[in-house]
N, C-alpha and C. Protein backbone atom coordinates (compact mmCIF):
# COMPACT_ATOMS: atom_id res chain seq x y z
N MET A 1 -7.99 18.26 -6.39
CA MET A 1 -9.21 17.49 -6.63
C MET A 1 -8.83 16.08 -7.06
N ALA A 2 -9.54 15.11 -6.60
CA ALA A 2 -9.28 13.72 -6.96
C ALA A 2 -9.67 13.50 -8.41
N SER A 3 -9.03 12.55 -9.03
CA SER A 3 -9.29 12.21 -10.41
C SER A 3 -10.74 11.81 -10.62
N SER A 4 -11.24 12.11 -11.80
CA SER A 4 -12.61 11.72 -12.14
C SER A 4 -12.71 10.22 -12.38
N GLY A 5 -11.58 9.58 -12.60
CA GLY A 5 -11.59 8.15 -12.79
C GLY A 5 -11.61 7.74 -14.24
N SER A 6 -11.76 8.69 -15.18
CA SER A 6 -11.89 8.33 -16.58
C SER A 6 -10.65 7.64 -17.12
N ASN A 7 -9.49 7.97 -16.60
CA ASN A 7 -8.25 7.34 -17.06
C ASN A 7 -7.63 6.43 -16.00
N ASP A 8 -8.36 6.16 -14.95
CA ASP A 8 -7.85 5.27 -13.91
C ASP A 8 -7.84 3.84 -14.42
N PRO A 9 -6.83 3.08 -14.06
CA PRO A 9 -6.82 1.67 -14.45
C PRO A 9 -7.92 0.92 -13.71
N PRO A 10 -8.33 -0.23 -14.21
CA PRO A 10 -9.43 -0.96 -13.57
C PRO A 10 -9.09 -1.50 -12.18
N TYR A 11 -7.81 -1.54 -11.82
CA TYR A 11 -7.40 -2.10 -10.53
C TYR A 11 -7.15 -1.04 -9.46
N ALA A 12 -7.38 0.24 -9.77
CA ALA A 12 -7.10 1.31 -8.80
C ALA A 12 -8.20 2.35 -8.86
N SER A 13 -8.39 3.04 -7.74
CA SER A 13 -9.37 4.13 -7.72
C SER A 13 -8.82 5.29 -6.91
N ALA A 14 -9.25 6.48 -7.29
CA ALA A 14 -8.81 7.70 -6.62
C ALA A 14 -9.70 7.98 -5.42
N SER A 15 -9.10 8.61 -4.42
CA SER A 15 -9.85 9.08 -3.26
C SER A 15 -9.20 10.38 -2.81
N PRO A 16 -9.78 11.06 -1.85
CA PRO A 16 -9.15 12.30 -1.36
C PRO A 16 -7.78 12.09 -0.73
N VAL A 17 -7.41 10.86 -0.40
CA VAL A 17 -6.11 10.62 0.25
C VAL A 17 -5.11 9.91 -0.66
N GLY A 18 -5.45 9.75 -1.94
CA GLY A 18 -4.53 9.12 -2.88
C GLY A 18 -5.20 8.04 -3.70
N TYR A 19 -4.38 7.15 -4.25
CA TYR A 19 -4.91 6.03 -5.04
C TYR A 19 -4.90 4.77 -4.20
N HIS A 20 -5.95 3.96 -4.40
CA HIS A 20 -6.11 2.71 -3.67
C HIS A 20 -6.15 1.56 -4.67
N ILE A 21 -5.53 0.47 -4.32
CA ILE A 21 -5.57 -0.73 -5.14
C ILE A 21 -6.87 -1.46 -4.81
N THR A 22 -7.70 -1.66 -5.81
CA THR A 22 -8.97 -2.34 -5.62
C THR A 22 -8.90 -3.80 -6.04
N GLN A 23 -7.95 -4.13 -6.91
CA GLN A 23 -7.76 -5.50 -7.37
C GLN A 23 -6.25 -5.78 -7.37
N LEU A 24 -5.80 -6.56 -6.39
CA LEU A 24 -4.37 -6.76 -6.21
C LEU A 24 -3.71 -7.49 -7.37
N ARG A 25 -4.23 -8.64 -7.75
CA ARG A 25 -3.58 -9.44 -8.80
C ARG A 25 -3.39 -8.65 -10.10
N PRO A 26 -4.44 -8.00 -10.63
CA PRO A 26 -4.22 -7.21 -11.85
C PRO A 26 -3.20 -6.08 -11.66
N SER A 27 -3.14 -5.50 -10.46
CA SER A 27 -2.16 -4.42 -10.24
C SER A 27 -0.73 -4.96 -10.30
N LEU A 28 -0.54 -6.19 -9.83
CA LEU A 28 0.79 -6.79 -9.84
C LEU A 28 1.21 -7.24 -11.23
N GLN A 29 0.24 -7.34 -12.14
CA GLN A 29 0.53 -7.74 -13.51
C GLN A 29 0.49 -6.55 -14.47
N SER A 30 0.26 -5.36 -13.95
CA SER A 30 0.09 -4.19 -14.80
C SER A 30 1.44 -3.62 -15.24
N PRO A 31 1.42 -2.79 -16.27
CA PRO A 31 2.65 -2.12 -16.68
C PRO A 31 3.11 -1.08 -15.66
N HIS A 32 2.27 -0.74 -14.68
CA HIS A 32 2.62 0.26 -13.67
C HIS A 32 3.23 -0.36 -12.42
N ARG A 33 3.36 -1.67 -12.37
CA ARG A 33 3.91 -2.31 -11.17
C ARG A 33 5.37 -1.90 -11.00
N VAL A 34 5.84 -1.98 -9.79
CA VAL A 34 7.23 -1.67 -9.48
C VAL A 34 7.93 -3.00 -9.24
N GLU A 35 9.03 -3.18 -9.90
CA GLU A 35 9.77 -4.44 -9.77
C GLU A 35 10.43 -4.53 -8.39
N ALA A 36 10.78 -5.74 -8.02
CA ALA A 36 11.45 -5.98 -6.74
C ALA A 36 12.78 -5.24 -6.69
N SER A 37 13.21 -4.95 -5.50
CA SER A 37 14.46 -4.25 -5.25
C SER A 37 15.66 -5.04 -5.79
N ILE A 38 16.74 -4.33 -6.05
CA ILE A 38 17.99 -5.02 -6.39
C ILE A 38 18.76 -5.38 -5.11
N ASN A 39 18.33 -4.80 -3.99
CA ASN A 39 18.92 -5.13 -2.69
C ASN A 39 18.62 -6.60 -2.40
N PRO A 40 19.64 -7.44 -2.21
CA PRO A 40 19.38 -8.87 -2.03
C PRO A 40 18.53 -9.21 -0.81
N VAL A 41 18.63 -8.43 0.26
CA VAL A 41 17.82 -8.71 1.45
C VAL A 41 16.34 -8.49 1.15
N LYS A 42 16.03 -7.41 0.43
CA LYS A 42 14.64 -7.14 0.07
C LYS A 42 14.17 -8.07 -1.05
N ARG A 43 15.02 -8.27 -2.03
CA ARG A 43 14.66 -9.08 -3.19
C ARG A 43 14.31 -10.52 -2.81
N GLN A 44 14.94 -11.04 -1.76
CA GLN A 44 14.69 -12.43 -1.35
C GLN A 44 13.22 -12.67 -1.02
N TRP A 45 12.50 -11.63 -0.59
CA TRP A 45 11.07 -11.79 -0.30
C TRP A 45 10.27 -12.13 -1.54
N ALA A 46 10.74 -11.70 -2.71
CA ALA A 46 10.01 -11.93 -3.96
C ALA A 46 10.39 -13.26 -4.62
N THR A 47 11.27 -14.03 -4.00
CA THR A 47 11.63 -15.33 -4.56
C THR A 47 10.68 -16.40 -4.05
N PRO A 48 10.56 -17.51 -4.75
CA PRO A 48 9.70 -18.60 -4.24
C PRO A 48 10.11 -19.06 -2.84
N GLU A 49 11.41 -19.10 -2.57
CA GLU A 49 11.87 -19.53 -1.25
C GLU A 49 11.41 -18.56 -0.17
N GLY A 50 11.54 -17.26 -0.44
CA GLY A 50 11.10 -16.26 0.53
C GLY A 50 9.60 -16.29 0.73
N ALA A 51 8.88 -16.40 -0.37
CA ALA A 51 7.42 -16.42 -0.30
C ALA A 51 6.91 -17.68 0.39
N ASN A 52 7.61 -18.78 0.26
CA ASN A 52 7.15 -20.04 0.86
C ASN A 52 7.24 -20.04 2.38
N ARG A 53 8.00 -19.11 2.96
CA ARG A 53 8.10 -19.03 4.41
C ARG A 53 6.87 -18.40 5.04
N LEU A 54 6.13 -17.61 4.28
CA LEU A 54 5.04 -16.83 4.84
C LEU A 54 3.69 -17.52 5.01
N PRO A 55 3.29 -18.44 4.16
CA PRO A 55 1.92 -18.96 4.29
C PRO A 55 1.56 -19.51 5.66
N VAL A 56 2.51 -19.97 6.44
CA VAL A 56 2.18 -20.47 7.77
C VAL A 56 1.68 -19.35 8.68
N ALA A 57 2.01 -18.10 8.35
CA ALA A 57 1.59 -16.96 9.17
C ALA A 57 0.22 -16.41 8.76
N PHE A 58 -0.29 -16.86 7.62
CA PHE A 58 -1.55 -16.36 7.09
C PHE A 58 -2.50 -17.52 6.83
N PRO A 59 -3.77 -17.35 7.14
CA PRO A 59 -4.73 -18.44 6.88
C PRO A 59 -4.91 -18.67 5.38
N PRO A 60 -5.21 -19.90 4.98
CA PRO A 60 -5.39 -20.20 3.55
C PRO A 60 -6.77 -19.77 3.03
N THR A 61 -7.10 -18.53 3.28
CA THR A 61 -8.36 -17.95 2.82
C THR A 61 -8.04 -16.87 1.80
N PRO A 62 -9.01 -16.41 1.02
CA PRO A 62 -8.71 -15.33 0.07
C PRO A 62 -8.08 -14.10 0.74
N SER A 63 -8.60 -13.69 1.90
CA SER A 63 -8.02 -12.51 2.55
C SER A 63 -6.63 -12.82 3.10
N GLY A 64 -6.40 -14.03 3.58
CA GLY A 64 -5.08 -14.42 4.06
C GLY A 64 -4.06 -14.45 2.94
N ILE A 65 -4.46 -14.96 1.79
CA ILE A 65 -3.57 -15.01 0.63
C ILE A 65 -3.25 -13.60 0.17
N GLN A 66 -4.26 -12.72 0.16
CA GLN A 66 -4.03 -11.34 -0.25
C GLN A 66 -3.11 -10.63 0.75
N SER A 67 -3.31 -10.86 2.04
CA SER A 67 -2.43 -10.26 3.05
C SER A 67 -1.00 -10.74 2.87
N CYS A 68 -0.82 -12.00 2.58
CA CYS A 68 0.50 -12.57 2.35
C CYS A 68 1.13 -11.91 1.12
N SER A 69 0.36 -11.76 0.05
CA SER A 69 0.87 -11.12 -1.17
C SER A 69 1.28 -9.68 -0.91
N LEU A 70 0.49 -8.96 -0.11
CA LEU A 70 0.84 -7.57 0.22
C LEU A 70 2.13 -7.51 1.03
N MET A 71 2.29 -8.43 1.97
CA MET A 71 3.51 -8.43 2.77
C MET A 71 4.73 -8.68 1.89
N ILE A 72 4.62 -9.63 0.97
CA ILE A 72 5.72 -9.91 0.05
C ILE A 72 6.04 -8.68 -0.78
N LEU A 73 5.01 -8.04 -1.32
CA LEU A 73 5.22 -6.84 -2.12
C LEU A 73 5.91 -5.76 -1.29
N ASN A 74 5.37 -5.48 -0.11
CA ASN A 74 5.91 -4.41 0.72
C ASN A 74 7.33 -4.69 1.20
N LYS A 75 7.65 -5.93 1.48
CA LYS A 75 8.99 -6.28 1.95
C LYS A 75 10.01 -6.31 0.82
N SER A 76 9.57 -6.52 -0.42
CA SER A 76 10.50 -6.71 -1.53
C SER A 76 10.74 -5.47 -2.38
N ARG A 77 10.07 -4.37 -2.08
CA ARG A 77 10.25 -3.13 -2.85
C ARG A 77 11.04 -2.13 -2.03
N ASP A 78 11.75 -1.24 -2.73
CA ASP A 78 12.55 -0.24 -2.04
C ASP A 78 11.68 0.79 -1.33
N THR A 79 10.76 1.42 -2.03
CA THR A 79 9.97 2.48 -1.41
C THR A 79 8.48 2.38 -1.67
N VAL A 80 8.06 1.66 -2.68
CA VAL A 80 6.63 1.57 -2.99
C VAL A 80 5.95 0.62 -2.01
N ARG A 81 4.78 1.01 -1.53
CA ARG A 81 4.01 0.19 -0.60
C ARG A 81 2.54 0.24 -0.97
N ILE A 82 1.82 -0.80 -0.56
CA ILE A 82 0.36 -0.82 -0.58
C ILE A 82 -0.05 -1.09 0.85
N CYS A 83 -0.79 -0.16 1.43
CA CYS A 83 -1.19 -0.29 2.82
C CYS A 83 -2.03 -1.56 3.00
N PRO A 84 -1.66 -2.42 3.94
CA PRO A 84 -2.44 -3.65 4.14
C PRO A 84 -3.83 -3.38 4.71
N ASN A 85 -4.06 -2.22 5.27
CA ASN A 85 -5.37 -1.92 5.85
C ASN A 85 -6.35 -1.38 4.84
N TYR A 86 -5.98 -0.26 4.19
CA TYR A 86 -6.96 0.28 3.26
C TYR A 86 -6.42 0.45 1.86
N ARG A 87 -5.36 -0.27 1.57
CA ARG A 87 -4.84 -0.46 0.21
C ARG A 87 -4.40 0.83 -0.49
N ARG A 88 -4.02 1.85 0.29
CA ARG A 88 -3.49 3.06 -0.35
C ARG A 88 -2.13 2.72 -0.93
N TRP A 89 -1.90 3.14 -2.17
CA TRP A 89 -0.67 2.90 -2.91
C TRP A 89 0.18 4.15 -2.73
N TYR A 90 1.38 4.01 -2.19
CA TYR A 90 2.18 5.18 -1.85
C TYR A 90 3.67 4.83 -1.82
N LYS A 91 4.48 5.84 -1.59
CA LYS A 91 5.92 5.67 -1.41
C LYS A 91 6.24 5.98 0.05
N VAL A 92 7.19 5.25 0.61
CA VAL A 92 7.59 5.48 2.00
C VAL A 92 7.99 6.94 2.17
N GLY A 93 7.45 7.56 3.21
CA GLY A 93 7.71 8.97 3.49
C GLY A 93 6.61 9.90 3.01
N GLU A 94 5.70 9.39 2.16
CA GLU A 94 4.61 10.22 1.64
C GLU A 94 3.45 10.27 2.61
N SER A 95 2.85 11.44 2.69
CA SER A 95 1.61 11.57 3.45
C SER A 95 0.44 11.40 2.48
N GLU A 96 -0.76 11.34 3.03
CA GLU A 96 -1.96 11.22 2.20
C GLU A 96 -2.13 12.52 1.42
N GLN A 97 -2.49 12.40 0.14
CA GLN A 97 -2.72 13.58 -0.67
C GLN A 97 -3.55 13.25 -1.89
N ARG A 98 -4.17 14.28 -2.45
CA ARG A 98 -4.98 14.14 -3.66
C ARG A 98 -4.08 14.26 -4.88
N TYR A 99 -4.55 13.67 -5.97
CA TYR A 99 -3.88 13.82 -7.27
C TYR A 99 -4.93 14.22 -8.28
N ASN A 100 -4.53 15.05 -9.24
CA ASN A 100 -5.46 15.50 -10.27
C ASN A 100 -5.79 14.40 -11.26
N SER A 101 -4.86 13.46 -11.43
CA SER A 101 -5.08 12.38 -12.39
C SER A 101 -4.16 11.21 -12.04
N PHE A 102 -4.44 10.07 -12.64
CA PHE A 102 -3.59 8.90 -12.44
C PHE A 102 -2.20 9.18 -12.98
N GLU A 103 -2.10 9.91 -14.08
CA GLU A 103 -0.81 10.27 -14.65
C GLU A 103 0.01 11.12 -13.66
N ASP A 104 -0.65 12.08 -13.00
CA ASP A 104 0.04 12.89 -11.98
C ASP A 104 0.56 11.99 -10.86
N PHE A 105 -0.26 11.05 -10.45
CA PHE A 105 0.13 10.10 -9.41
C PHE A 105 1.35 9.30 -9.84
N LEU A 106 1.32 8.76 -11.04
CA LEU A 106 2.43 7.91 -11.52
C LEU A 106 3.73 8.69 -11.66
N HIS A 107 3.64 9.97 -12.03
CA HIS A 107 4.84 10.76 -12.29
C HIS A 107 5.26 11.65 -11.13
N ARG A 108 4.67 11.42 -9.96
CA ARG A 108 5.06 12.21 -8.79
C ARG A 108 6.51 11.89 -8.43
N LYS A 109 7.16 12.84 -7.86
CA LYS A 109 8.53 12.66 -7.41
C LYS A 109 8.52 12.15 -5.97
N PRO A 110 9.48 11.31 -5.61
CA PRO A 110 9.55 10.89 -4.20
C PRO A 110 9.82 12.12 -3.33
N PRO A 111 9.29 12.15 -2.13
CA PRO A 111 9.55 13.31 -1.27
C PRO A 111 11.04 13.40 -0.95
N LEU A 112 11.58 14.62 -1.05
CA LEU A 112 13.00 14.81 -0.71
C LEU A 112 13.22 14.57 0.77
N THR A 113 12.25 14.99 1.56
CA THR A 113 12.26 14.68 2.99
C THR A 113 10.88 14.11 3.30
N ALA A 114 10.82 13.28 4.28
CA ALA A 114 9.55 12.64 4.62
C ALA A 114 8.50 13.69 4.96
N THR A 115 7.29 13.46 4.49
CA THR A 115 6.17 14.35 4.80
C THR A 115 5.33 13.76 5.92
N VAL A 116 5.85 12.71 6.55
CA VAL A 116 5.20 12.09 7.71
C VAL A 116 6.22 12.06 8.85
N ALA A 117 5.75 11.88 10.07
CA ALA A 117 6.63 11.81 11.23
C ALA A 117 7.61 10.63 11.09
N ALA A 118 8.76 10.75 11.73
CA ALA A 118 9.80 9.72 11.65
C ALA A 118 9.28 8.35 12.06
N GLU A 119 8.46 8.31 13.11
CA GLU A 119 7.93 7.02 13.57
C GLU A 119 7.01 6.42 12.52
N GLN A 120 6.22 7.26 11.84
CA GLN A 120 5.31 6.75 10.82
C GLN A 120 6.09 6.30 9.59
N LYS A 121 7.14 7.01 9.24
CA LYS A 121 7.98 6.59 8.11
C LYS A 121 8.58 5.22 8.40
N GLN A 122 9.01 5.00 9.62
CA GLN A 122 9.55 3.69 10.00
C GLN A 122 8.46 2.62 9.91
N GLU A 123 7.25 2.95 10.35
CA GLU A 123 6.13 2.00 10.26
C GLU A 123 5.81 1.69 8.80
N GLN A 124 5.83 2.72 7.95
CA GLN A 124 5.59 2.51 6.52
C GLN A 124 6.61 1.54 5.95
N ASP A 125 7.86 1.75 6.31
CA ASP A 125 8.92 0.92 5.77
C ASP A 125 8.82 -0.52 6.27
N LEU A 126 8.50 -0.70 7.54
CA LEU A 126 8.47 -2.04 8.13
C LEU A 126 7.21 -2.83 7.81
N SER A 127 6.04 -2.21 7.99
CA SER A 127 4.78 -2.96 7.87
C SER A 127 3.96 -2.60 6.64
N GLY A 128 4.19 -1.42 6.09
CA GLY A 128 3.37 -0.97 4.98
C GLY A 128 2.17 -0.16 5.42
N ILE A 129 1.89 -0.10 6.72
CA ILE A 129 0.75 0.70 7.20
C ILE A 129 1.08 2.16 6.92
N CYS A 130 0.16 2.85 6.23
CA CYS A 130 0.52 4.12 5.59
C CYS A 130 0.39 5.38 6.40
N SER A 131 -0.45 5.41 7.43
CA SER A 131 -0.67 6.66 8.14
C SER A 131 -0.93 6.41 9.61
N GLN A 132 -0.81 7.45 10.39
CA GLN A 132 -1.09 7.32 11.82
C GLN A 132 -2.55 6.95 12.05
N GLY A 133 -3.45 7.53 11.27
CA GLY A 133 -4.86 7.18 11.39
C GLY A 133 -5.11 5.71 11.10
N CYS A 134 -4.41 5.19 10.13
CA CYS A 134 -4.55 3.78 9.78
C CYS A 134 -3.98 2.91 10.90
N THR A 135 -2.85 3.31 11.45
CA THR A 135 -2.26 2.59 12.58
C THR A 135 -3.22 2.60 13.76
N ASP A 136 -3.79 3.78 14.06
CA ASP A 136 -4.73 3.89 15.18
C ASP A 136 -5.94 2.99 14.97
N ALA A 137 -6.49 2.99 13.74
CA ALA A 137 -7.65 2.15 13.45
C ALA A 137 -7.29 0.68 13.61
N MET A 138 -6.10 0.30 13.21
CA MET A 138 -5.66 -1.09 13.33
C MET A 138 -5.53 -1.48 14.80
N MET A 139 -5.00 -0.57 15.60
CA MET A 139 -4.80 -0.87 17.02
C MET A 139 -6.14 -0.93 17.77
N ASP A 140 -7.09 -0.07 17.38
CA ASP A 140 -8.40 -0.06 18.04
C ASP A 140 -9.20 -1.31 17.72
N ASP A 141 -9.28 -1.64 16.44
CA ASP A 141 -10.04 -2.82 16.02
C ASP A 141 -9.58 -3.22 14.63
N PRO A 142 -8.66 -4.17 14.54
CA PRO A 142 -8.13 -4.57 13.24
C PRO A 142 -9.22 -4.98 12.24
N SER A 143 -10.27 -5.60 12.70
CA SER A 143 -11.32 -6.03 11.77
C SER A 143 -12.05 -4.84 11.16
N GLU A 144 -12.07 -3.71 11.88
CA GLU A 144 -12.72 -2.52 11.36
C GLU A 144 -11.86 -1.83 10.31
N ALA A 145 -10.54 -1.89 10.43
CA ALA A 145 -9.65 -1.18 9.53
C ALA A 145 -9.35 -1.97 8.27
N ALA A 146 -9.17 -3.26 8.39
CA ALA A 146 -8.70 -4.08 7.27
C ALA A 146 -9.63 -3.97 6.06
N GLY A 147 -9.04 -3.57 4.94
CA GLY A 147 -9.78 -3.51 3.70
C GLY A 147 -10.63 -2.27 3.51
N ASN A 148 -10.68 -1.36 4.48
CA ASN A 148 -11.48 -0.15 4.33
C ASN A 148 -10.83 0.80 3.35
N SER A 149 -11.62 1.63 2.73
CA SER A 149 -11.10 2.65 1.85
C SER A 149 -10.63 3.83 2.68
N GLY A 150 -9.84 4.70 2.08
CA GLY A 150 -9.39 5.90 2.77
C GLY A 150 -10.56 6.75 3.21
N LYS A 151 -11.58 6.83 2.38
CA LYS A 151 -12.76 7.63 2.71
C LYS A 151 -13.43 7.06 3.97
N GLU A 152 -13.53 5.73 4.05
CA GLU A 152 -14.16 5.12 5.22
C GLU A 152 -13.35 5.39 6.48
N LEU A 153 -12.02 5.33 6.36
CA LEU A 153 -11.19 5.59 7.54
C LEU A 153 -11.22 7.06 7.92
N GLN A 154 -11.29 7.96 6.93
CA GLN A 154 -11.40 9.38 7.24
C GLN A 154 -12.70 9.65 7.99
N ARG A 155 -13.78 9.03 7.55
CA ARG A 155 -15.08 9.22 8.18
C ARG A 155 -15.07 8.76 9.62
N SER A 156 -14.27 7.72 9.89
CA SER A 156 -14.25 7.19 11.25
C SER A 156 -13.35 8.00 12.18
N GLY A 157 -12.77 9.08 11.63
CA GLY A 157 -11.95 9.98 12.46
C GLY A 157 -10.48 9.68 12.39
N SER A 158 -10.05 8.86 11.45
CA SER A 158 -8.62 8.53 11.34
C SER A 158 -7.89 9.64 10.64
């Protein structure tokens, strides 16, 4: 069963497919954030020099800035990702799943083996897109998928 939300932080919400980030900036400033990788190739994305390369690829709009921030986060962390489409917060290799509470979510163990197909795990690692349904929704109509909640994507057949 999904969390009732009583102990959920103000920047995240529970759904039947996991936790979603509802407010990006507060989540990046929270005590629950994951620091950048120690791997220098990944860590470079979190530096001002790495981040300064990206704005030309994103429009200077609130959604463009948020997309840029998500890309930096996803590229600079070892396994933690936030799906750029429907903001599911997950670890590479994890499938969609319910959590009884935010504490259960935070203390979950990384999967010993991927619970998603190899191609999807690679997509998670490269782009941050979290599931095949999310990938399909993005390919069908990116404007329909971007920013939707997991519940909305499930309803659409993803």
